[in-house]
PDB file of N, CA and C in Angstrom:
ATOM      1  N   MET A   1      -2.000   8.081 -12.757  1.00  0.00           N
ATOM      2  CA  MET A   1      -1.091   7.119 -12.140  1.00  0.00           C
ATOM      3  C   MET A   1      -1.913   5.909 -11.694  1.00  0.00           C
ATOM      4  N   SER A   2      -1.388   4.740 -11.937  1.00  0.00           N
ATOM      5  CA  SER A   2      -2.118   3.531 -11.577  1.00  0.00           C
ATOM      6  C   SER A   2      -2.118   3.316 -10.068  1.00  0.00           C
ATOM      7  N   ASP A   3      -3.077   2.543  -9.636  1.00  0.00           N
ATOM      8  CA  ASP A   3      -3.212   2.220  -8.219  1.00  0.00           C
ATOM      9  C   ASP A   3      -1.973   1.479  -7.705  1.00  0.00           C
ATOM     10  N   ARG A   4      -1.441   0.568  -8.532  1.00  0.00           N
ATOM     11  CA  ARG A   4      -0.240  -0.182  -8.124  1.00  0.00           C
ATOM     12  C   ARG A   4       0.952   0.750  -7.958  1.00  0.00           C
ATOM     13  N   ILE A   5       1.088   1.689  -8.864  1.00  0.00           N
ATOM     14  CA  ILE A   5       2.202   2.642  -8.762  1.00  0.00           C
ATOM     15  C   ILE A   5       2.062   3.470  -7.490  1.00  0.00           C
ATOM     16  N   GLU A   6       0.854   3.933  -7.204  1.00  0.00           N
ATOM     17  CA  GLU A   6       0.633   4.717  -5.983  1.00  0.00           C
ATOM     18  C   GLU A   6       0.974   3.909  -4.733  1.00  0.00           C
ATOM     19  N   LYS A   7       0.552   2.655  -4.694  1.00  0.00           N
ATOM     20  CA  LYS A   7       0.847   1.806  -3.531  1.00  0.00           C
ATOM     21  C   LYS A   7       2.353   1.589  -3.375  1.00  0.00           C
ATOM     22  N   LEU A   8       3.023   1.313  -4.477  1.00  0.00           N
ATOM     23  CA  LEU A   8       4.475   1.106  -4.416  1.00  0.00           C
ATOM     24  C   LEU A   8       5.195   2.384  -3.999  1.00  0.00           C
ATOM     25  N   GLN A   9       4.724   3.530  -4.477  1.00  0.00           N
ATOM     26  CA  GLN A   9       5.335   4.814  -4.085  1.00  0.00           C
ATOM     27  C   GLN A   9       5.190   5.031  -2.579  1.00  0.00           C
ATOM     28  N   ARG A  10       4.031   4.705  -2.053  1.00  0.00           N
ATOM     29  CA  ARG A  10       3.820   4.857  -0.599  1.00  0.00           C
ATOM     30  C   ARG A  10       4.746   3.926   0.187  1.00  0.00           C
ATOM     31  N   LEU A  11       4.872   2.693  -0.271  1.00  0.00           N
ATOM     32  CA  LEU A  11       5.781   1.757   0.392  1.00  0.00           C
ATOM     33  C   LEU A  11       7.220   2.253   0.324  1.00  0.00           C
ATOM     34  N   LEU A  12       7.575   2.828  -0.808  1.00  0.00           N
ATOM     35  CA  LEU A  12       8.944   3.310  -1.007  1.00  0.00           C
ATOM     36  C   LEU A  12       9.260   4.502  -0.103  1.00  0.00           C
ATOM     37  N   GLU A  13       8.245   5.271   0.250  1.00  0.00           N
ATOM     38  CA  GLU A  13       8.452   6.400   1.161  1.00  0.00           C
ATOM     39  C   GLU A  13       8.991   5.911   2.509  1.00  0.00           C
ATOM     40  N   ASN A  14       8.509   4.744   2.952  1.00  0.00           N
ATOM     41  CA  ASN A  14       8.951   4.184   4.233  1.00  0.00           C
ATOM     42  C   ASN A  14      10.305   3.491   4.125  1.00  0.00           C
ATOM     43  N   GLU A  15      10.584   2.920   2.971  1.00  0.00           N
ATOM     44  CA  GLU A  15      11.841   2.187   2.735  1.00  0.00           C
ATOM     45  C   GLU A  15      12.408   2.608   1.387  1.00  0.00           C
ATOM     46  N   PRO A  16      13.082   3.744   1.303  1.00  0.00           N
ATOM     47  CA  PRO A  16      13.527   4.268   0.003  1.00  0.00           C
ATOM     48  C   PRO A  16      14.534   3.395  -0.741  1.00  0.00           C
ATOM     49  N   ASN A  17      15.147   2.462  -0.046  1.00  0.00           N
ATOM     50  CA  ASN A  17      16.111   1.578  -0.704  1.00  0.00           C
ATOM     51  C   ASN A  17      15.620   0.135  -0.773  1.00  0.00           C
ATOM     52  N   ASP A  18      14.322  -0.034  -0.812  1.00  0.00           N
ATOM     53  CA  ASP A  18      13.747  -1.373  -0.899  1.00  0.00           C
ATOM     54  C   ASP A  18      13.788  -1.837  -2.355  1.00  0.00           C
ATOM     55  N   PRO A  19      14.641  -2.816  -2.672  1.00  0.00           N
ATOM     56  CA  PRO A  19      14.771  -3.230  -4.073  1.00  0.00           C
ATOM     57  C   PRO A  19      13.475  -3.816  -4.642  1.00  0.00           C
ATOM     58  N   PHE A  20      12.661  -4.443  -3.783  1.00  0.00           N
ATOM     59  CA  PHE A  20      11.383  -4.991  -4.247  1.00  0.00           C
ATOM     60  C   PHE A  20      10.474  -3.876  -4.763  1.00  0.00           C
ATOM     61  N   CYS A  21      10.378  -2.793  -4.001  1.00  0.00           N
ATOM     62  CA  CYS A  21       9.534  -1.658  -4.421  1.00  0.00           C
ATOM     63  C   CYS A  21      10.114  -0.968  -5.653  1.00  0.00           C
ATOM     64  N   LEU A  22      11.416  -0.773  -5.663  1.00  0.00           N
ATOM     65  CA  LEU A  22      12.052  -0.127  -6.818  1.00  0.00           C
ATOM     66  C   LEU A  22      11.824  -0.946  -8.089  1.00  0.00           C
ATOM     67  N   TYR A  23      12.028  -2.246  -7.976  1.00  0.00           N
ATOM     68  CA  TYR A  23      11.832  -3.136  -9.114  1.00  0.00           C
ATOM     69  C   TYR A  23      10.361  -3.155  -9.540  1.00  0.00           C
ATOM     70  N   GLY A  24       9.474  -3.194  -8.568  1.00  0.00           N
ATOM     71  CA  GLY A  24       8.044  -3.170  -8.876  1.00  0.00           C
ATOM     72  C   GLY A  24       7.636  -1.908  -9.603  1.00  0.00           C
ATOM     73  N   LEU A  25       8.138  -0.765  -9.160  1.00  0.00           N
ATOM     74  CA  LEU A  25       7.852   0.491  -9.854  1.00  0.00           C
ATOM     75  C   LEU A  25       8.403   0.476 -11.270  1.00  0.00           C
ATOM     76  N   ALA A  26       9.603  -0.031 -11.420  1.00  0.00           N
ATOM     77  CA  ALA A  26      10.193  -0.117 -12.757  1.00  0.00           C
ATOM     78  C   ALA A  26       9.313  -0.960 -13.671  1.00  0.00           C
ATOM     79  N   GLN A  27       8.865  -2.095 -13.163  1.00  0.00           N
ATOM     80  CA  GLN A  27       8.012  -2.983 -13.955  1.00  0.00           C
ATOM     81  C   GLN A  27       6.692  -2.299 -14.324  1.00  0.00           C
ATOM     82  N   GLU A  28       6.108  -1.592 -13.381  1.00  0.00           N
ATOM     83  CA  GLU A  28       4.836  -0.913 -13.655  1.00  0.00           C
ATOM     84  C   GLU A  28       5.004   0.185 -14.704  1.00  0.00           C
ATOM     85  N   TYR A  29       6.074   0.962 -14.586  1.00  0.00           N
ATOM     86  CA  TYR A  29       6.295   2.017 -15.575  1.00  0.00           C
ATOM     87  C   TYR A  29       6.589   1.419 -16.954  1.00  0.00           C
ATOM     88  N   ALA A  30       7.322   0.331 -16.992  1.00  0.00           N
ATOM     89  CA  ALA A  30       7.580  -0.324 -18.282  1.00  0.00           C
ATOM     90  C   ALA A  30       6.269  -0.830 -18.879  1.00  0.00           C
ATOM     91  N   ARG A  31       5.426  -1.390 -18.036  1.00  0.00           N
ATOM     92  CA  ARG A  31       4.150  -1.945 -18.498  1.00  0.00           C
ATOM     93  C   ARG A  31       3.275  -0.892 -19.169  1.00  0.00           C
ATOM     94  N   ILE A  32       3.348   0.353 -18.684  1.00  0.00           N
ATOM     95  CA  ILE A  32       2.521   1.418 -19.278  1.00  0.00           C
ATOM     96  C   ILE A  32       3.297   2.238 -20.307  1.00  0.00           C
ATOM     97  N   GLY A  33       4.485   1.764 -20.667  1.00  0.00           N
ATOM     98  CA  GLY A  33       5.243   2.398 -21.734  1.00  0.00           C
ATOM     99  C   GLY A  33       6.049   3.617 -21.340  1.00  0.00           C
ATOM    100  N   GLN A  34       6.208   3.863 -20.052  1.00  0.00           N
ATOM    101  CA  GLN A  34       7.037   4.982 -19.589  1.00  0.00           C
ATOM    102  C   GLN A  34       8.443   4.449 -19.324  1.00  0.00           C
ATOM    103  N   HIS A  35       9.148   4.209 -20.426  1.00  0.00           N
ATOM    104  CA  HIS A  35      10.424   3.505 -20.341  1.00  0.00           C
ATOM    105  C   HIS A  35      11.539   4.319 -19.690  1.00  0.00           C
ATOM    106  N   GLU A  36      11.512   5.625 -19.827  1.00  0.00           N
ATOM    107  CA  GLU A  36      12.543   6.437 -19.146  1.00  0.00           C
ATOM    108  C   GLU A  36      12.439   6.266 -17.637  1.00  0.00           C
ATOM    109  N   ARG A  37      11.224   6.358 -17.130  1.00  0.00           N
ATOM    110  CA  ARG A  37      11.021   6.169 -15.691  1.00  0.00           C
ATOM    111  C   ARG A  37      11.372   4.742 -15.288  1.00  0.00           C
ATOM    112  N   ALA A  38      10.955   3.785 -16.103  1.00  0.00           N
ATOM    113  CA  ALA A  38      11.264   2.384 -15.804  1.00  0.00           C
ATOM    114  C   ALA A  38      12.768   2.185 -15.701  1.00  0.00           C
ATOM    115  N   ILE A  39      13.502   2.710 -16.661  1.00  0.00           N
ATOM    116  CA  ILE A  39      14.961   2.561 -16.668  1.00  0.00           C
ATOM    117  C   ILE A  39      15.575   3.185 -15.413  1.00  0.00           C
ATOM    118  N   ALA A  40      15.068   4.341 -15.016  1.00  0.00           N
ATOM    119  CA  ALA A  40      15.586   4.995 -13.808  1.00  0.00           C
ATOM    120  C   ALA A  40      15.369   4.113 -12.579  1.00  0.00           C
ATOM    121  N   TYR A  41      14.206   3.485 -12.482  1.00  0.00           N
ATOM    122  CA  TYR A  41      13.943   2.604 -11.338  1.00  0.00           C
ATOM    123  C   TYR A  41      14.722   1.300 -11.438  1.00  0.00           C
ATOM    124  N   PHE A  42      14.911   0.778 -12.647  1.00  0.00           N
ATOM    125  CA  PHE A  42      15.767  -0.408 -12.787  1.00  0.00           C
ATOM    126  C   PHE A  42      17.190  -0.066 -12.346  1.00  0.00           C
ATOM    127  N   ASP A  43      17.671   1.116 -12.725  1.00  0.00           N
ATOM    128  CA  ASP A  43      19.008   1.550 -12.301  1.00  0.00           C
ATOM    129  C   ASP A  43      19.112   1.616 -10.779  1.00  0.00           C
ATOM    130  N   GLN A  44      18.082   2.179 -10.144  1.00  0.00           N
ATOM    131  CA  GLN A  44      18.091   2.265  -8.684  1.00  0.00           C
ATOM    132  C   GLN A  44      18.067   0.876  -8.052  1.00  0.00           C
ATOM    133  N   THR A  45      17.290  -0.015  -8.637  1.00  0.00           N
ATOM    134  CA  THR A  45      17.224  -1.384  -8.125  1.00  0.00           C
ATOM    135  C   THR A  45      18.609  -2.023  -8.154  1.00  0.00           C
ATOM    136  N   ILE A  46      19.276  -1.901  -9.298  1.00  0.00           N
ATOM    137  CA  ILE A  46      20.609  -2.492  -9.458  1.00  0.00           C
ATOM    138  C   ILE A  46      21.610  -1.848  -8.509  1.00  0.00           C
ATOM    139  N   GLU A  47      21.478  -0.536  -8.326  1.00  0.00           N
ATOM    140  CA  GLU A  47      22.394   0.167  -7.422  1.00  0.00           C
ATOM    141  C   GLU A  47      22.220  -0.309  -5.984  1.00  0.00           C
ATOM    142  N   VAL A  48      20.979  -0.506  -5.567  1.00  0.00           N
ATOM    143  CA  VAL A  48      20.684  -0.922  -4.199  1.00  0.00           C
ATOM    144  C   VAL A  48      20.999  -2.397  -3.989  1.00  0.00           C
ATOM    145  N   ASP A  49      20.703  -3.224  -5.003  1.00  0.00           N
ATOM    146  CA  ASP A  49      20.911  -4.665  -4.869  1.00  0.00           C
ATOM    147  C   ASP A  49      21.255  -5.251  -6.246  1.00  0.00           C
ATOM    148  N   SER A  50      22.531  -5.338  -6.523  1.00  0.00           N
ATOM    149  CA  SER A  50      22.973  -5.784  -7.847  1.00  0.00           C
ATOM    150  C   SER A  50      22.683  -7.258  -8.103  1.00  0.00           C
ATOM    151  N   SER A  51      22.181  -7.970  -7.080  1.00  0.00           N
ATOM    152  CA  SER A  51      21.825  -9.373  -7.287  1.00  0.00           C
ATOM    153  C   SER A  51      20.424  -9.537  -7.878  1.00  0.00           C
ATOM    154  N   TYR A  52      19.723  -8.455  -8.097  1.00  0.00           N
ATOM    155  CA  TYR A  52      18.414  -8.482  -8.758  1.00  0.00           C
ATOM    156  C   TYR A  52      18.648  -8.635 -10.259  1.00  0.00           C
ATOM    157  N   CYS A  53      19.004  -9.839 -10.668  1.00  0.00           N
ATOM    158  CA  CYS A  53      19.425 -10.088 -12.050  1.00  0.00           C
ATOM    159  C   CYS A  53      18.352  -9.755 -13.085  1.00  0.00           C
ATOM    160  N   TYR A  54      17.091  -9.942 -12.716  1.00  0.00           N
ATOM    161  CA  TYR A  54      16.037  -9.654 -13.687  1.00  0.00           C
ATOM    162  C   TYR A  54      15.867  -8.153 -13.922  1.00  0.00           C
ATOM    163  N   ALA A  55      16.417  -7.324 -13.056  1.00  0.00           N
ATOM    164  CA  ALA A  55      16.393  -5.884 -13.307  1.00  0.00           C
ATOM    165  C   ALA A  55      17.228  -5.562 -14.549  1.00  0.00           C
ATOM    166  N   TYR A  56      18.318  -6.286 -14.732  1.00  0.00           N
ATOM    167  CA  TYR A  56      19.137  -6.098 -15.935  1.00  0.00           C
ATOM    168  C   TYR A  56      18.330  -6.495 -17.179  1.00  0.00           C
ATOM    169  N   TYR A  57      17.690  -7.648 -17.083  1.00  0.00           N
ATOM    170  CA  TYR A  57      16.909  -8.184 -18.198  1.00  0.00           C
ATOM    171  C   TYR A  57      15.814  -7.192 -18.616  1.00  0.00           C
ATOM    172  N   HIS A  58      15.047  -6.736 -17.645  1.00  0.00           N
ATOM    173  CA  HIS A  58      13.917  -5.864 -17.969  1.00  0.00           C
ATOM    174  C   HIS A  58      14.349  -4.447 -18.308  1.00  0.00           C
ATOM    175  N   LYS A  59      15.474  -4.015 -17.759  1.00  0.00           N
ATOM    176  CA  LYS A  59      16.022  -2.721 -18.186  1.00  0.00           C
ATOM    177  C   LYS A  59      16.372  -2.796 -19.667  1.00  0.00           C
ATOM    178  N   ALA A  60      16.953  -3.907 -20.077  1.00  0.00           N
ATOM    179  CA  ALA A  60      17.291  -4.092 -21.501  1.00  0.00           C
ATOM    180  C   ALA A  60      16.031  -4.052 -22.362  1.00  0.00           C
ATOM    181  N   ARG A  61      14.956  -4.632 -21.874  1.00  0.00           N
ATOM    182  CA  ARG A  61      13.698  -4.594 -22.636  1.00  0.00           C
ATOM    183  C   ARG A  61      13.208  -3.162 -22.817  1.00  0.00           C
ATOM    184  N   SER A  62      13.313  -2.358 -21.768  1.00  0.00           N
ATOM    185  CA  SER A  62      12.908  -0.948 -21.882  1.00  0.00           C
ATOM    186  C   SER A  62      13.830  -0.192 -22.823  1.00  0.00           C
ATOM    187  N   LEU A  63      15.119  -0.482 -22.731  1.00  0.00           N
ATOM    188  CA  LEU A  63      16.059   0.160 -23.654  1.00  0.00           C
ATOM    189  C   LEU A  63      15.746  -0.223 -25.098  1.00  0.00           C
ATOM    190  N   GLU A  64      15.472  -1.484 -25.322  1.00  0.00           N
ATOM    191  CA  GLU A  64      15.126  -1.927 -26.675  1.00  0.00           C
ATOM    192  C   GLU A  64      13.835  -1.250 -27.151  1.00  0.00           C
ATOM    193  N   ALA A  65      12.858  -1.134 -26.268  1.00  0.00           N
ATOM    194  CA  ALA A  65      11.593  -0.486 -26.619  1.00  0.00           C
ATOM    195  C   ALA A  65      11.801   0.968 -27.024  1.00  0.00           C
ATOM    196  N   LYS A  66      12.817   1.591 -26.421  1.00  0.00           N
ATOM    197  CA  LYS A  66      13.157   2.975 -26.777  1.00  0.00           C
ATOM    198  C   LYS A  66      14.004   3.054 -28.041  1.00  0.00           C
ATOM    199  N   GLY A  67      14.407   1.910 -28.575  1.00  0.00           N
ATOM    200  CA  GLY A  67      15.209   1.888 -29.787  1.00  0.00           C
ATOM    201  C   GLY A  67      16.702   1.897 -29.551  1.00  0.00           C
ATOM    202  N   ASP A  68      17.132   1.674 -28.315  1.00  0.00           N
ATOM    203  CA  ASP A  68      18.563   1.693 -27.997  1.00  0.00           C
ATOM    204  C   ASP A  68      19.074   0.262 -27.821  1.00  0.00           C
ATOM    205  N   LYS A  69      19.190  -0.423 -28.940  1.00  0.00           N
ATOM    206  CA  LYS A  69      19.605  -1.823 -28.932  1.00  0.00           C
ATOM    207  C   LYS A  69      21.021  -2.001 -28.374  1.00  0.00           C
ATOM    208  N   GLN A  70      21.927  -1.091 -28.697  1.00  0.00           N
ATOM    209  CA  GLN A  70      23.306  -1.214 -28.231  1.00  0.00           C
ATOM    210  C   GLN A  70      23.397  -1.166 -26.705  1.00  0.00           C
ATOM    211  N   LYS A  71      22.691  -0.231 -26.090  1.00  0.00           N
ATOM    212  CA  LYS A  71      22.698  -0.162 -24.623  1.00  0.00           C
ATOM    213  C   LYS A  71      22.009  -1.383 -24.021  1.00  0.00           C
ATOM    214  N   ALA A  72      20.975  -1.882 -24.714  1.00  0.00           N
ATOM    215  CA  ALA A  72      20.307  -3.099 -24.239  1.00  0.00           C
ATOM    216  C   ALA A  72      21.292  -4.260 -24.215  1.00  0.00           C
ATOM    217  N   VAL A  73      22.087  -4.384 -25.260  1.00  0.00           N
ATOM    218  CA  VAL A  73      23.097  -5.442 -25.320  1.00  0.00           C
ATOM    219  C   VAL A  73      24.107  -5.269 -24.181  1.00  0.00           C
ATOM    220  N   GLU A  74      24.541  -4.048 -23.952  1.00  0.00           N
ATOM    221  CA  GLU A  74      25.522  -3.787 -22.894  1.00  0.00           C
ATOM    222  C   GLU A  74      24.978  -4.166 -21.511  1.00  0.00           C
ATOM    223  N   ILE A  75      23.728  -3.813 -21.243  1.00  0.00           N
ATOM    224  CA  ILE A  75      23.170  -4.132 -19.922  1.00  0.00           C
ATOM    225  C   ILE A  75      22.933  -5.632 -19.796  1.00  0.00           C
ATOM    226  N   LEU A  76      22.583  -6.295 -20.890  1.00  0.00           N
ATOM    227  CA  LEU A  76      22.433  -7.750 -20.838  1.00  0.00           C
ATOM    228  C   LEU A  76      23.772  -8.431 -20.561  1.00  0.00           C
ATOM    229  N   GLU A  77      24.828  -7.931 -21.158  1.00  0.00           N
ATOM    230  CA  GLU A  77      26.151  -8.497 -20.900  1.00  0.00           C
ATOM    231  C   GLU A  77      26.529  -8.334 -19.430  1.00  0.00           C
ATOM    232  N   ALA A  78      26.234  -7.154 -18.868  1.00  0.00           N
ATOM    233  CA  ALA A  78      26.520  -6.919 -17.444  1.00  0.00           C
ATOM    234  C   ALA A  78      25.657  -7.821 -16.568  1.00  0.00           C
ATOM    235  N   GLY A  79      24.397  -7.978 -16.937  1.00  0.00           N
ATOM    236  CA  GLY A  79      23.495  -8.829 -16.176  1.00  0.00           C
ATOM    237  C   GLY A  79      23.895 -10.292 -16.243  1.00  0.00           C
ATOM    238  N   LEU A  80      24.336 -10.722 -17.411  1.00  0.00           N
ATOM    239  CA  LEU A  80      24.780 -12.100 -17.571  1.00  0.00           C
ATOM    240  C   LEU A  80      25.996 -12.370 -16.692  1.00  0.00           C
ATOM    241  N   GLU A  81      26.923 -11.451 -16.710  1.00  0.00           N
ATOM    242  CA  GLU A  81      28.117 -11.593 -15.872  1.00  0.00           C
ATOM    243  C   GLU A  81      27.733 -11.661 -14.390  1.00  0.00           C
ATOM    244  N   ARG A  82      26.807 -10.814 -13.984  1.00  0.00           N
ATOM    245  CA  ARG A  82      26.385 -10.782 -12.580  1.00  0.00           C
ATOM    246  C   ARG A  82      25.668 -12.088 -12.206  1.00  0.00           C
ATOM    247  N   ALA A  83      24.755 -12.537 -13.066  1.00  0.00           N
ATOM    248  CA  ALA A  83      24.012 -13.771 -12.795  1.00  0.00           C
ATOM    249  C   ALA A  83      24.964 -14.958 -12.690  1.00  0.00           C
ATOM    250  N   GLN A  84      25.938 -15.017 -13.580  1.00  0.00           N
ATOM    251  CA  GLN A  84      26.903 -16.114 -13.538  1.00  0.00           C
ATOM    252  C   GLN A  84      27.736 -16.059 -12.268  1.00  0.00           C
ATOM    253  N   SER A  85      28.133 -14.852 -11.864  1.00  0.00           N
ATOM    254  CA  SER A  85      28.953 -14.726 -10.654  1.00  0.00           C
ATOM    255  C   SER A  85      28.169 -15.115  -9.401  1.00  0.00           C
ATOM    256  N   LEU A  86      26.849 -14.959  -9.452  1.00  0.00           N
ATOM    257  CA  LEU A  86      26.001 -15.329  -8.318  1.00  0.00           C
ATOM    258  C   LEU A  86      25.560 -16.788  -8.368  1.00  0.00           C
ATOM    259  N   GLY A  87      25.829 -17.446  -9.492  1.00  0.00           N
ATOM    260  CA  GLY A  87      25.378 -18.820  -9.659  1.00  0.00           C
ATOM    261  C   GLY A  87      23.880 -18.921  -9.927  1.00  0.00           C
ATOM    262  N   ASP A  88      23.292 -17.848 -10.433  1.00  0.00           N
ATOM    263  CA  ASP A  88      21.864 -17.820 -10.751  1.00  0.00           C
ATOM    264  C   ASP A  88      21.693 -18.329 -12.186  1.00  0.00           C
ATOM    265  N   ASP A  89      21.651 -19.658 -12.312  1.00  0.00           N
ATOM    266  CA  ASP A  89      21.622 -20.284 -13.635  1.00  0.00           C
ATOM    267  C   ASP A  89      20.371 -19.941 -14.434  1.00  0.00           C
ATOM    268  N   LYS A  90      19.234 -19.863 -13.770  1.00  0.00           N
ATOM    269  CA  LYS A  90      17.987 -19.550 -14.478  1.00  0.00           C
ATOM    270  C   LYS A  90      18.049 -18.146 -15.081  1.00  0.00           C
ATOM    271  N   ALA A  91      18.443 -17.168 -14.286  1.00  0.00           N
ATOM    272  CA  ALA A  91      18.551 -15.797 -14.791  1.00  0.00           C
ATOM    273  C   ALA A  91      19.615 -15.723 -15.884  1.00  0.00           C
ATOM    274  N   ALA A  92      20.739 -16.385 -15.677  1.00  0.00           N
ATOM    275  CA  ALA A  92      21.814 -16.373 -16.678  1.00  0.00           C
ATOM    276  C   ALA A  92      21.319 -16.938 -18.006  1.00  0.00           C
ATOM    277  N   GLU A  93      20.554 -18.013 -17.942  1.00  0.00           N
ATOM    278  CA  GLU A  93      20.041 -18.623 -19.163  1.00  0.00           C
ATOM    279  C   GLU A  93      19.078 -17.683 -19.897  1.00  0.00           C
ATOM    280  N   GLU A  94      18.161 -17.071 -19.153  1.00  0.00           N
ATOM    281  CA  GLU A  94      17.191 -16.176 -19.776  1.00  0.00           C
ATOM    282  C   GLU A  94      17.863 -14.922 -20.336  1.00  0.00           C
ATOM    283  N   ILE A  95      18.805 -14.382 -19.598  1.00  0.00           N
ATOM    284  CA  ILE A  95      19.536 -13.206 -20.075  1.00  0.00           C
ATOM    285  C   ILE A  95      20.337 -13.568 -21.317  1.00  0.00           C
ATOM    286  N   SER A  96      20.977 -14.717 -21.287  1.00  0.00           N
ATOM    287  CA  SER A  96      21.771 -15.174 -22.427  1.00  0.00           C
ATOM    288  C   SER A  96      20.901 -15.353 -23.675  1.00  0.00           C
ATOM    289  N   GLU A  97      19.729 -15.927 -23.504  1.00  0.00           N
ATOM    290  CA  GLU A  97      18.820 -16.113 -24.637  1.00  0.00           C
ATOM    291  C   GLU A  97      18.411 -14.779 -25.241  1.00  0.00           C
ATOM    292  N   TYR A  98      18.089 -13.829 -24.387  1.00  0.00           N
ATOM    293  CA  TYR A  98      17.696 -12.502 -24.857  1.00  0.00           C
ATOM    294  C   TYR A  98      18.878 -11.821 -25.557  1.00  0.00           C
ATOM    295  N   LEU A  99      20.045 -11.954 -24.970  1.00  0.00           N
ATOM    296  CA  LEU A  99      21.251 -11.366 -25.553  1.00  0.00           C
ATOM    297  C   LEU A  99      21.490 -11.935 -26.954  1.00  0.00           C
ATOM    298  N   HIS A 100      21.365 -13.240 -27.104  1.00  0.00           N
ATOM    299  CA  HIS A 100      21.573 -13.857 -28.402  1.00  0.00           C
ATOM    300  C   HIS A 100      20.515 -13.420 -29.412  1.00  0.00           C
ATOM    301  N   ALA A 101      19.306 -13.186 -28.946  1.00  0.00           N
ATOM    302  CA  ALA A 101      18.238 -12.714 -29.834  1.00  0.00           C
ATOM    303  C   ALA A 101      18.523 -11.310 -30.359  1.00  0.00           C
ATOM    304  N   LEU A 102      19.219 -10.503 -29.555  1.00  0.00           N
ATOM    305  CA  LEU A 102      19.525  -9.122 -29.969  1.00  0.00           C
ATOM    306  C   LEU A 102      20.779  -9.010 -30.830  1.00  0.00           C
ATOM    307  N   THR A 103      21.652  -9.998 -30.720  1.00  0.00           N
ATOM    308  CA  THR A 103      22.928  -9.895 -31.453  1.00  0.00           C
ATOM    309  C   THR A 103      22.970 -10.806 -32.650  1.00  0.00           C
TER     310      THR A 103
END
């Protein structure tokens, strides 16, 4: 286990619903190719704070890495809708670009 993962796990013990820690763990697991774990942490991030629009984007990347393009498209569509509803134009644009690249 990487040092960053260990540190984030310790932080998460004190604040189990901290979206920053959940998202950070998801990113770290994705970085080392453990996409199932990454997806689980992206899901938790979205559940705790659905305004974390980039969690949708990066969850889709992990899904695509696992070969599940259809689910990646579905999560990007949900993320795009969420980003637009929040007025997060930057996230909406990036999610939209990725969505168009997959479809």
